[in-house]
Amino acid sequence: MAFGIMLIPEVAVARRLLDFTREITDIAPTISSLSHSAVPHLTLMHVDSAHEVALRWWNDAVQRIGSSLPVTLTGLMFSPIPRGNYYVPEGGIYVGLEAVRSASLDNAHRTLLSLASESDCTPIGAVGDYFRPHISLCALAAFPHGQLSLPPDVTTTTIECRTAFGKLREYGTFGPDLVYHSGHAEPRTGTAR
């Protein structure tokens, strides 16, 4: 099974990300996108392991990386996704907001990588020197045709995000049933509180 530790933006930012994602998907054929059942997040790491092992990894991690981290978003990225990709097997166009690979994000990622190795969790995706912090907005079947305006309230600004743990779902998404640093699940409606 696949699991992840991620950062969840505060509610106002999450709502704006959902709105902006809808602007994109309104002008392009969509494979997958953020929604109330696929919450906005910045992945620190995905792993493959048994559920109990992943929970131990998470419990060790929260003691080391803390309950929240700042994230500075820098701009919008479009990138081709080749067929056979782990997250989007049919291929397409990635659309996401890129984030600065700050010392705090890099340290959190490297801590998770080290703990994964100690916990018998197998890392999935871009790790180590290939770690690229971002918030995926959607995967498209074709490039969008239309005008987009970057949301000024979430780009080139620093936002505070809460650490969370959850089961990785289709297209690299996470549902609203996440576990937070406090150790209990919080029912979610697709946006952060």
N, C-alpha and C. Protein backbone atom coordinates (compact mmCIF):
# COMPACT_ATOMS: atom_id res chain seq x y z
N MET A 1 0.83 -1.18 0.00
CA MET A 1 0.00 0.00 0.00
C MET A 1 0.88 1.24 0.00
N ALA A 2 0.35 2.31 -0.54
CA ALA A 2 1.10 3.57 -0.60
C ALA A 2 0.49 4.59 0.36
N PHE A 3 1.38 5.31 1.05
CA PHE A 3 0.99 6.32 2.02
C PHE A 3 1.85 7.55 1.82
N GLY A 4 1.47 8.64 2.44
CA GLY A 4 2.27 9.85 2.31
C GLY A 4 2.17 10.74 3.51
N ILE A 5 3.22 11.53 3.67
CA ILE A 5 3.22 12.63 4.63
C ILE A 5 3.25 13.90 3.79
N MET A 6 2.32 14.78 4.09
CA MET A 6 2.17 15.97 3.26
C MET A 6 1.92 17.19 4.12
N LEU A 7 1.89 18.34 3.45
CA LEU A 7 1.57 19.60 4.10
C LEU A 7 0.25 20.10 3.53
N ILE A 8 -0.67 20.47 4.41
CA ILE A 8 -2.00 20.91 4.02
C ILE A 8 -2.11 22.42 4.27
N PRO A 9 -2.42 23.20 3.22
CA PRO A 9 -2.54 24.65 3.41
C PRO A 9 -3.75 25.04 4.24
N GLU A 10 -3.68 26.24 4.79
CA GLU A 10 -4.79 26.76 5.59
C GLU A 10 -6.03 26.90 4.71
N VAL A 11 -7.19 26.99 5.33
CA VAL A 11 -8.48 26.90 4.64
C VAL A 11 -8.65 27.95 3.54
N ALA A 12 -8.30 29.19 3.78
CA ALA A 12 -8.50 30.23 2.76
C ALA A 12 -7.65 29.95 1.52
N VAL A 13 -6.43 29.49 1.73
CA VAL A 13 -5.55 29.16 0.60
C VAL A 13 -6.08 27.93 -0.13
N ALA A 14 -6.50 26.92 0.62
CA ALA A 14 -7.04 25.70 -0.01
C ALA A 14 -8.26 26.04 -0.88
N ARG A 15 -9.12 26.90 -0.39
CA ARG A 15 -10.30 27.30 -1.18
C ARG A 15 -9.88 28.00 -2.47
N ARG A 16 -8.90 28.88 -2.36
CA ARG A 16 -8.43 29.60 -3.55
C ARG A 16 -7.78 28.63 -4.54
N LEU A 17 -7.06 27.64 -4.05
CA LEU A 17 -6.45 26.64 -4.93
C LEU A 17 -7.53 25.82 -5.65
N LEU A 18 -8.59 25.48 -4.95
CA LEU A 18 -9.70 24.76 -5.57
C LEU A 18 -10.37 25.62 -6.65
N ASP A 19 -10.57 26.90 -6.35
CA ASP A 19 -11.17 27.81 -7.33
C ASP A 19 -10.29 27.95 -8.57
N PHE A 20 -9.00 28.12 -8.36
CA PHE A 20 -8.07 28.28 -9.48
C PHE A 20 -8.01 26.99 -10.32
N THR A 21 -8.03 25.86 -9.65
CA THR A 21 -8.03 24.58 -10.37
C THR A 21 -9.26 24.47 -11.26
N ARG A 22 -10.41 24.90 -10.75
CA ARG A 22 -11.64 24.87 -11.57
C ARG A 22 -11.51 25.78 -12.79
N GLU A 23 -10.83 26.93 -12.63
CA GLU A 23 -10.61 27.81 -13.78
C GLU A 23 -9.81 27.08 -14.87
N ILE A 24 -8.84 26.31 -14.46
CA ILE A 24 -8.01 25.56 -15.42
C ILE A 24 -8.82 24.44 -16.06
N THR A 25 -9.50 23.66 -15.24
CA THR A 25 -10.22 22.50 -15.77
C THR A 25 -11.45 22.90 -16.59
N ASP A 26 -11.91 24.13 -16.44
CA ASP A 26 -13.01 24.61 -17.27
C ASP A 26 -12.59 24.84 -18.72
N ILE A 27 -11.28 24.98 -18.97
CA ILE A 27 -10.81 25.27 -20.32
C ILE A 27 -9.92 24.16 -20.89
N ALA A 28 -9.93 22.98 -20.26
CA ALA A 28 -9.10 21.88 -20.76
C ALA A 28 -9.70 20.54 -20.38
N PRO A 29 -9.52 19.53 -21.25
CA PRO A 29 -9.97 18.18 -20.87
C PRO A 29 -9.12 17.68 -19.70
N THR A 30 -9.81 17.19 -18.68
CA THR A 30 -9.15 16.89 -17.40
C THR A 30 -9.12 15.40 -17.10
N ILE A 31 -7.97 14.95 -16.61
CA ILE A 31 -7.79 13.57 -16.16
C ILE A 31 -8.08 13.48 -14.67
N SER A 32 -7.49 14.40 -13.91
CA SER A 32 -7.63 14.41 -12.46
C SER A 32 -7.41 15.84 -11.97
N SER A 33 -8.09 16.19 -10.88
CA SER A 33 -7.88 17.54 -10.34
C SER A 33 -8.20 17.60 -8.85
N LEU A 34 -7.74 18.66 -8.22
CA LEU A 34 -8.13 18.92 -6.84
C LEU A 34 -9.65 19.04 -6.78
N SER A 35 -10.19 18.63 -5.65
CA SER A 35 -11.64 18.72 -5.45
C SER A 35 -11.88 18.57 -3.95
N HIS A 36 -13.14 18.50 -3.58
CA HIS A 36 -13.45 18.28 -2.16
C HIS A 36 -13.07 16.88 -1.70
N SER A 37 -12.85 15.97 -2.65
CA SER A 37 -12.42 14.62 -2.28
C SER A 37 -10.96 14.36 -2.63
N ALA A 38 -10.27 15.35 -3.17
CA ALA A 38 -8.83 15.27 -3.47
C ALA A 38 -8.21 16.58 -2.98
N VAL A 39 -7.78 16.58 -1.73
CA VAL A 39 -7.41 17.82 -1.05
C VAL A 39 -6.09 18.42 -1.55
N PRO A 40 -6.01 19.76 -1.57
CA PRO A 40 -4.75 20.42 -1.91
C PRO A 40 -3.67 20.05 -0.89
N HIS A 41 -2.49 19.72 -1.39
CA HIS A 41 -1.40 19.33 -0.49
C HIS A 41 -0.06 19.48 -1.18
N LEU A 42 0.98 19.59 -0.39
CA LEU A 42 2.36 19.53 -0.85
C LEU A 42 2.95 18.28 -0.24
N THR A 43 3.32 17.33 -1.08
CA THR A 43 3.85 16.06 -0.59
C THR A 43 5.29 16.22 -0.12
N LEU A 44 5.54 15.75 1.09
CA LEU A 44 6.92 15.67 1.57
C LEU A 44 7.54 14.34 1.18
N MET A 45 6.72 13.26 1.18
CA MET A 45 7.20 11.96 0.72
C MET A 45 6.06 10.96 0.65
N HIS A 46 6.13 10.09 -0.35
CA HIS A 46 5.25 8.92 -0.47
C HIS A 46 6.08 7.68 -0.22
N VAL A 47 5.47 6.69 0.39
CA VAL A 47 6.15 5.41 0.63
C VAL A 47 5.21 4.25 0.33
N ASP A 48 5.81 3.11 0.08
CA ASP A 48 5.09 1.86 -0.08
C ASP A 48 5.44 1.00 1.12
N SER A 49 4.42 0.56 1.86
CA SER A 49 4.66 -0.28 3.04
C SER A 49 3.33 -0.79 3.56
N ALA A 50 3.42 -1.69 4.52
CA ALA A 50 2.22 -2.12 5.23
C ALA A 50 1.69 -0.94 6.05
N HIS A 51 0.39 -0.92 6.30
CA HIS A 51 -0.23 0.19 7.01
C HIS A 51 0.40 0.42 8.38
N GLU A 52 0.63 -0.65 9.14
CA GLU A 52 1.19 -0.51 10.49
C GLU A 52 2.60 0.09 10.44
N VAL A 53 3.38 -0.31 9.43
CA VAL A 53 4.75 0.21 9.27
C VAL A 53 4.69 1.70 8.92
N ALA A 54 3.78 2.06 8.02
CA ALA A 54 3.64 3.47 7.62
C ALA A 54 3.20 4.33 8.81
N LEU A 55 2.32 3.79 9.65
CA LEU A 55 1.91 4.55 10.84
C LEU A 55 3.07 4.77 11.80
N ARG A 56 3.94 3.78 11.95
CA ARG A 56 5.13 3.96 12.79
C ARG A 56 6.04 5.04 12.19
N TRP A 57 6.19 5.00 10.85
CA TRP A 57 6.99 6.01 10.15
C TRP A 57 6.42 7.40 10.44
N TRP A 58 5.10 7.54 10.32
CA TRP A 58 4.43 8.81 10.60
C TRP A 58 4.64 9.25 12.04
N ASN A 59 4.45 8.35 12.98
CA ASN A 59 4.61 8.70 14.40
C ASN A 59 6.02 9.14 14.72
N ASP A 60 7.02 8.48 14.12
CA ASP A 60 8.41 8.91 14.29
C ASP A 60 8.62 10.27 13.64
N ALA A 61 8.02 10.46 12.48
CA ALA A 61 8.22 11.69 11.71
C ALA A 61 7.69 12.93 12.43
N VAL A 62 6.50 12.84 12.99
CA VAL A 62 5.91 14.04 13.60
C VAL A 62 6.73 14.52 14.80
N GLN A 63 7.43 13.61 15.44
CA GLN A 63 8.30 14.01 16.55
C GLN A 63 9.51 14.80 16.04
N ARG A 64 9.89 14.57 14.78
CA ARG A 64 11.10 15.19 14.23
C ARG A 64 10.83 16.41 13.35
N ILE A 65 9.70 16.42 12.63
CA ILE A 65 9.49 17.53 11.69
C ILE A 65 8.46 18.55 12.19
N GLY A 66 7.71 18.22 13.22
CA GLY A 66 6.77 19.17 13.79
C GLY A 66 5.40 19.16 13.13
N SER A 67 4.54 20.04 13.60
CA SER A 67 3.14 20.04 13.17
C SER A 67 2.85 20.97 12.00
N SER A 68 3.78 21.86 11.66
CA SER A 68 3.55 22.75 10.52
C SER A 68 4.87 23.25 9.97
N LEU A 69 4.81 23.69 8.71
CA LEU A 69 5.98 24.25 8.05
C LEU A 69 5.53 25.38 7.13
N PRO A 70 6.39 26.40 6.95
CA PRO A 70 6.06 27.45 5.99
C PRO A 70 6.40 26.98 4.57
N VAL A 71 5.59 27.41 3.60
CA VAL A 71 5.80 27.08 2.19
C VAL A 71 5.69 28.37 1.39
N THR A 72 6.69 28.64 0.56
CA THR A 72 6.65 29.80 -0.33
C THR A 72 6.37 29.32 -1.75
N LEU A 73 5.21 29.70 -2.26
CA LEU A 73 4.83 29.32 -3.62
C LEU A 73 5.39 30.35 -4.60
N THR A 74 5.89 29.86 -5.74
CA THR A 74 6.61 30.75 -6.65
C THR A 74 5.92 30.98 -7.99
N GLY A 75 5.11 30.06 -8.45
CA GLY A 75 4.48 30.26 -9.74
C GLY A 75 3.90 28.98 -10.30
N LEU A 76 3.30 29.09 -11.45
CA LEU A 76 2.59 27.99 -12.10
C LEU A 76 3.52 27.25 -13.05
N MET A 77 3.41 25.92 -13.09
CA MET A 77 4.22 25.11 -14.00
C MET A 77 3.32 24.17 -14.79
N PHE A 78 3.59 24.07 -16.07
CA PHE A 78 3.00 23.06 -16.95
C PHE A 78 4.13 22.15 -17.38
N SER A 79 3.90 20.85 -17.39
CA SER A 79 4.95 19.92 -17.77
C SER A 79 4.32 18.66 -18.37
N PRO A 80 4.93 18.10 -19.43
CA PRO A 80 4.38 16.87 -19.99
C PRO A 80 4.56 15.71 -19.02
N ILE A 81 3.57 14.82 -18.99
CA ILE A 81 3.63 13.59 -18.19
C ILE A 81 3.71 12.44 -19.17
N PRO A 82 4.81 11.68 -19.18
CA PRO A 82 4.91 10.57 -20.14
C PRO A 82 3.96 9.42 -19.80
N ARG A 83 3.53 8.69 -20.82
CA ARG A 83 2.74 7.47 -20.58
C ARG A 83 3.53 6.53 -19.70
N GLY A 84 2.84 5.82 -18.82
CA GLY A 84 3.50 4.89 -17.91
C GLY A 84 3.94 5.53 -16.61
N ASN A 85 3.70 6.82 -16.42
CA ASN A 85 4.04 7.51 -15.19
C ASN A 85 3.32 6.84 -14.02
N TYR A 86 3.99 6.72 -12.88
CA TYR A 86 3.41 6.06 -11.70
C TYR A 86 2.08 6.70 -11.29
N TYR A 87 2.03 8.04 -11.31
CA TYR A 87 0.85 8.75 -10.82
C TYR A 87 -0.23 8.94 -11.88
N VAL A 88 0.17 9.14 -13.12
CA VAL A 88 -0.77 9.36 -14.22
C VAL A 88 -0.39 8.41 -15.35
N PRO A 89 -0.80 7.14 -15.26
CA PRO A 89 -0.34 6.13 -16.21
C PRO A 89 -0.64 6.45 -17.68
N GLU A 90 -1.74 7.13 -17.94
CA GLU A 90 -2.10 7.43 -19.33
C GLU A 90 -1.33 8.61 -19.90
N GLY A 91 -0.55 9.29 -19.06
CA GLY A 91 0.20 10.45 -19.51
C GLY A 91 -0.71 11.66 -19.62
N GLY A 92 -0.14 12.82 -19.88
CA GLY A 92 -0.93 14.03 -20.01
C GLY A 92 -0.08 15.26 -19.77
N ILE A 93 -0.70 16.28 -19.20
CA ILE A 93 -0.03 17.55 -18.88
C ILE A 93 -0.21 17.81 -17.38
N TYR A 94 0.92 17.96 -16.68
CA TYR A 94 0.90 18.31 -15.26
C TYR A 94 0.71 19.81 -15.13
N VAL A 95 -0.13 20.23 -14.18
CA VAL A 95 -0.28 21.63 -13.85
C VAL A 95 -0.17 21.75 -12.33
N GLY A 96 0.76 22.57 -11.87
CA GLY A 96 0.92 22.71 -10.43
C GLY A 96 1.60 24.00 -10.05
N LEU A 97 1.50 24.31 -8.76
CA LEU A 97 2.19 25.47 -8.21
C LEU A 97 3.50 25.00 -7.60
N GLU A 98 4.58 25.60 -8.05
CA GLU A 98 5.91 25.24 -7.56
C GLU A 98 6.19 25.98 -6.26
N ALA A 99 7.01 25.37 -5.42
CA ALA A 99 7.37 25.97 -4.14
C ALA A 99 8.89 26.04 -4.01
N VAL A 100 9.36 27.00 -3.26
CA VAL A 100 10.78 27.11 -2.99
C VAL A 100 11.21 25.89 -2.18
N ARG A 101 12.33 25.30 -2.58
CA ARG A 101 12.90 24.19 -1.81
C ARG A 101 13.72 24.80 -0.67
N SER A 102 12.99 25.27 0.32
CA SER A 102 13.61 25.95 1.47
C SER A 102 14.37 24.94 2.32
N ALA A 103 15.20 25.47 3.20
CA ALA A 103 15.94 24.60 4.11
C ALA A 103 14.98 23.78 4.98
N SER A 104 13.88 24.39 5.42
CA SER A 104 12.95 23.65 6.29
C SER A 104 12.25 22.53 5.53
N LEU A 105 11.85 22.77 4.27
CA LEU A 105 11.22 21.70 3.48
C LEU A 105 12.23 20.61 3.15
N ASP A 106 13.43 21.01 2.76
CA ASP A 106 14.46 20.03 2.42
C ASP A 106 14.82 19.18 3.64
N ASN A 107 14.98 19.82 4.80
CA ASN A 107 15.30 19.08 6.02
C ASN A 107 14.18 18.11 6.38
N ALA A 108 12.92 18.55 6.26
CA ALA A 108 11.80 17.66 6.56
C ALA A 108 11.80 16.47 5.61
N HIS A 109 12.00 16.73 4.31
CA HIS A 109 12.03 15.64 3.33
C HIS A 109 13.16 14.66 3.64
N ARG A 110 14.35 15.17 3.89
CA ARG A 110 15.49 14.29 4.16
C ARG A 110 15.32 13.51 5.46
N THR A 111 14.67 14.12 6.45
CA THR A 111 14.36 13.41 7.69
C THR A 111 13.40 12.25 7.40
N LEU A 112 12.37 12.51 6.59
CA LEU A 112 11.43 11.45 6.23
C LEU A 112 12.10 10.35 5.44
N LEU A 113 13.01 10.71 4.55
CA LEU A 113 13.75 9.72 3.77
C LEU A 113 14.58 8.82 4.67
N SER A 114 15.25 9.42 5.64
CA SER A 114 16.05 8.65 6.59
C SER A 114 15.16 7.75 7.44
N LEU A 115 14.06 8.29 7.94
CA LEU A 115 13.14 7.48 8.76
C LEU A 115 12.50 6.36 7.95
N ALA A 116 12.22 6.61 6.67
CA ALA A 116 11.66 5.56 5.81
C ALA A 116 12.63 4.39 5.70
N SER A 117 13.89 4.70 5.55
CA SER A 117 14.92 3.66 5.45
C SER A 117 14.99 2.84 6.74
N GLU A 118 14.90 3.53 7.87
CA GLU A 118 14.94 2.86 9.17
C GLU A 118 13.67 2.05 9.44
N SER A 119 12.57 2.42 8.80
CA SER A 119 11.26 1.81 9.09
C SER A 119 10.84 0.74 8.10
N ASP A 120 11.66 0.41 7.13
CA ASP A 120 11.30 -0.55 6.09
C ASP A 120 10.19 -0.05 5.17
N CYS A 121 10.15 1.25 4.95
CA CYS A 121 9.24 1.86 4.00
C CYS A 121 10.03 2.14 2.72
N THR A 122 9.44 1.84 1.58
CA THR A 122 10.10 2.10 0.30
C THR A 122 9.61 3.42 -0.27
N PRO A 123 10.51 4.39 -0.44
CA PRO A 123 10.10 5.69 -1.00
C PRO A 123 9.58 5.54 -2.43
N ILE A 124 8.60 6.36 -2.77
CA ILE A 124 8.00 6.39 -4.10
C ILE A 124 8.19 7.81 -4.65
N GLY A 125 8.48 7.91 -5.92
CA GLY A 125 8.55 9.22 -6.57
C GLY A 125 9.91 9.87 -6.44
N ALA A 126 9.93 11.19 -6.67
CA ALA A 126 11.16 11.97 -6.66
C ALA A 126 11.61 12.22 -5.22
N VAL A 127 12.76 11.65 -4.86
CA VAL A 127 13.26 11.79 -3.50
C VAL A 127 14.71 12.24 -3.51
N GLY A 128 15.18 12.63 -2.33
CA GLY A 128 16.57 13.06 -2.20
C GLY A 128 16.83 14.31 -3.02
N ASP A 129 17.88 14.27 -3.83
CA ASP A 129 18.24 15.42 -4.66
C ASP A 129 17.17 15.75 -5.70
N TYR A 130 16.27 14.81 -5.98
CA TYR A 130 15.22 15.02 -6.99
C TYR A 130 13.92 15.56 -6.39
N PHE A 131 13.88 15.72 -5.08
CA PHE A 131 12.69 16.26 -4.42
C PHE A 131 12.39 17.65 -4.96
N ARG A 132 11.16 17.86 -5.41
CA ARG A 132 10.72 19.14 -5.98
C ARG A 132 9.40 19.50 -5.33
N PRO A 133 9.42 20.36 -4.32
CA PRO A 133 8.16 20.68 -3.64
C PRO A 133 7.20 21.44 -4.55
N HIS A 134 5.96 20.99 -4.53
CA HIS A 134 4.92 21.59 -5.39
C HIS A 134 3.55 21.17 -4.88
N ILE A 135 2.55 21.89 -5.33
CA ILE A 135 1.16 21.51 -5.09
C ILE A 135 0.56 21.19 -6.45
N SER A 136 0.27 19.92 -6.69
CA SER A 136 -0.35 19.54 -7.96
C SER A 136 -1.79 20.04 -7.97
N LEU A 137 -2.15 20.71 -9.05
CA LEU A 137 -3.52 21.19 -9.20
C LEU A 137 -4.34 20.23 -10.03
N CYS A 138 -3.77 19.76 -11.14
CA CYS A 138 -4.51 18.86 -12.01
C CYS A 138 -3.59 18.18 -13.01
N ALA A 139 -4.11 17.12 -13.61
CA ALA A 139 -3.49 16.47 -14.75
C ALA A 139 -4.49 16.61 -15.90
N LEU A 140 -4.02 17.13 -17.00
CA LEU A 140 -4.90 17.40 -18.14
C LEU A 140 -4.60 16.44 -19.28
N ALA A 141 -5.61 16.20 -20.11
CA ALA A 141 -5.43 15.37 -21.30
C ALA A 141 -4.82 16.18 -22.44
N ALA A 142 -4.96 17.50 -22.39
CA ALA A 142 -4.41 18.40 -23.41
C ALA A 142 -4.15 19.76 -22.78
N PHE A 143 -3.31 20.54 -23.43
CA PHE A 143 -2.96 21.87 -22.94
C PHE A 143 -4.21 22.75 -22.95
N PRO A 144 -4.40 23.58 -21.90
CA PRO A 144 -5.59 24.43 -21.85
C PRO A 144 -5.57 25.52 -22.92
N HIS A 145 -6.75 25.84 -23.42
CA HIS A 145 -6.90 26.92 -24.39
C HIS A 145 -7.77 27.99 -23.74
N GLY A 146 -7.14 29.08 -23.38
CA GLY A 146 -7.85 30.15 -22.72
C GLY A 146 -6.89 30.93 -21.86
N GLN A 147 -7.37 31.96 -21.23
CA GLN A 147 -6.54 32.83 -20.42
C GLN A 147 -6.66 32.44 -18.95
N LEU A 148 -5.51 32.39 -18.28
CA LEU A 148 -5.47 32.11 -16.85
C LEU A 148 -4.78 33.27 -16.13
N SER A 149 -5.25 33.58 -14.96
CA SER A 149 -4.60 34.59 -14.13
C SER A 149 -4.14 33.90 -12.85
N LEU A 150 -2.86 34.02 -12.56
CA LEU A 150 -2.35 33.42 -11.32
C LEU A 150 -3.03 34.07 -10.12
N PRO A 151 -3.40 33.27 -9.15
CA PRO A 151 -4.01 33.84 -7.94
C PRO A 151 -2.95 34.59 -7.13
N PRO A 152 -3.02 35.92 -7.08
CA PRO A 152 -1.97 36.69 -6.40
C PRO A 152 -1.89 36.43 -4.90
N ASP A 153 -2.99 35.98 -4.31
CA ASP A 153 -2.98 35.75 -2.86
C ASP A 153 -2.30 34.44 -2.47
N VAL A 154 -1.91 33.61 -3.44
CA VAL A 154 -1.21 32.37 -3.09
C VAL A 154 0.12 32.20 -3.80
N THR A 155 0.39 32.99 -4.82
CA THR A 155 1.70 32.90 -5.47
C THR A 155 2.60 34.01 -4.95
N THR A 156 3.88 33.70 -4.91
CA THR A 156 4.92 34.61 -4.38
C THR A 156 4.60 35.07 -2.96
N THR A 157 4.04 34.17 -2.20
CA THR A 157 3.75 34.45 -0.80
C THR A 157 4.08 33.20 0.02
N THR A 158 4.28 33.39 1.30
CA THR A 158 4.56 32.26 2.18
C THR A 158 3.30 31.92 2.95
N ILE A 159 2.95 30.64 2.92
CA ILE A 159 1.76 30.16 3.62
C ILE A 159 2.19 29.14 4.67
N GLU A 160 1.42 29.03 5.72
CA GLU A 160 1.69 28.03 6.76
C GLU A 160 0.87 26.79 6.45
N CYS A 161 1.52 25.65 6.51
CA CYS A 161 0.83 24.38 6.19
C CYS A 161 1.02 23.39 7.34
N ARG A 162 -0.02 22.60 7.60
CA ARG A 162 0.01 21.59 8.66
C ARG A 162 0.48 20.25 8.11
N THR A 163 1.27 19.54 8.90
CA THR A 163 1.69 18.19 8.49
C THR A 163 0.53 17.22 8.69
N ALA A 164 0.43 16.28 7.76
CA ALA A 164 -0.64 15.28 7.81
C ALA A 164 -0.15 13.98 7.17
N PHE A 165 -0.89 12.92 7.44
CA PHE A 165 -0.58 11.58 6.95
C PHE A 165 -1.84 10.98 6.34
N GLY A 166 -1.68 10.25 5.25
CA GLY A 166 -2.84 9.59 4.67
C GLY A 166 -2.47 8.54 3.65
N LYS A 167 -3.49 7.83 3.22
CA LYS A 167 -3.33 6.79 2.20
C LYS A 167 -3.33 7.45 0.83
N LEU A 168 -2.34 7.12 0.03
CA LEU A 168 -2.22 7.64 -1.32
C LEU A 168 -3.30 7.02 -2.20
N ARG A 169 -3.99 7.88 -2.95
CA ARG A 169 -5.07 7.41 -3.81
C ARG A 169 -4.68 7.62 -5.27
N GLU A 170 -5.62 7.30 -6.13
CA GLU A 170 -5.42 7.43 -7.57
C GLU A 170 -4.91 8.83 -7.93
N TYR A 171 -3.98 8.87 -8.89
CA TYR A 171 -3.40 10.11 -9.41
C TYR A 171 -2.65 10.92 -8.36
N GLY A 172 -2.12 10.25 -7.34
CA GLY A 172 -1.33 10.93 -6.33
C GLY A 172 -2.12 11.85 -5.42
N THR A 173 -3.39 11.55 -5.28
CA THR A 173 -4.26 12.39 -4.45
C THR A 173 -4.41 11.81 -3.04
N PHE A 174 -4.90 12.65 -2.16
CA PHE A 174 -5.25 12.24 -0.80
C PHE A 174 -6.67 12.69 -0.53
N GLY A 175 -7.43 11.83 0.12
CA GLY A 175 -8.81 12.17 0.46
C GLY A 175 -8.86 13.05 1.70
N PRO A 176 -10.05 13.40 2.10
CA PRO A 176 -10.21 14.26 3.27
C PRO A 176 -9.98 13.55 4.60
N ASP A 177 -9.78 12.24 4.58
CA ASP A 177 -9.63 11.45 5.81
C ASP A 177 -8.16 11.36 6.22
N LEU A 178 -7.57 12.49 6.58
CA LEU A 178 -6.16 12.57 6.93
C LEU A 178 -5.97 12.52 8.44
N VAL A 179 -4.78 12.15 8.86
CA VAL A 179 -4.39 12.18 10.27
C VAL A 179 -3.41 13.32 10.44
N TYR A 180 -3.63 14.15 11.45
CA TYR A 180 -2.78 15.31 11.68
C TYR A 180 -1.86 15.07 12.87
N HIS A 181 -0.99 16.01 13.12
CA HIS A 181 0.02 15.90 14.17
C HIS A 181 -0.57 15.55 15.53
N SER A 182 -1.78 15.97 15.80
CA SER A 182 -2.41 15.67 17.08
C SER A 182 -2.68 14.18 17.23
N GLY A 183 -2.63 13.44 16.11
CA GLY A 183 -2.78 11.99 16.15
C GLY A 183 -4.17 11.49 15.86
N HIS A 184 -5.13 12.37 15.63
CA HIS A 184 -6.48 11.89 15.35
C HIS A 184 -6.92 12.37 13.96
N ALA A 185 -7.82 11.61 13.40
CA ALA A 185 -8.36 11.97 12.09
C ALA A 185 -9.32 13.14 12.25
N GLU A 186 -9.29 14.03 11.28
CA GLU A 186 -10.22 15.15 11.27
C GLU A 186 -11.05 15.04 10.02
N PRO A 187 -12.38 14.98 10.13
CA PRO A 187 -13.19 14.95 8.93
C PRO A 187 -12.95 16.20 8.12
N ARG A 188 -12.82 16.06 6.81
CA ARG A 188 -12.48 17.19 5.96
C ARG A 188 -13.51 17.31 4.83
N THR A 189 -13.62 18.49 4.29
CA THR A 189 -14.49 18.70 3.15
C THR A 189 -13.68 19.09 1.93
N GLY A 190 -12.39 18.76 1.91
CA GLY A 190 -11.55 19.08 0.77
C GLY A 190 -10.77 20.37 0.94
N THR A 191 -10.96 21.04 2.04
CA THR A 191 -10.19 22.25 2.30
C THR A 191 -9.63 22.17 3.70
N ALA A 192 -8.54 22.86 3.93
CA ALA A 192 -7.91 22.84 5.24
C ALA A 192 -8.67 23.72 6.21
N ARG A 193 -8.57 23.40 7.47
CA ARG A 193 -9.21 24.22 8.50
C ARG A 193 -8.27 25.26 9.00
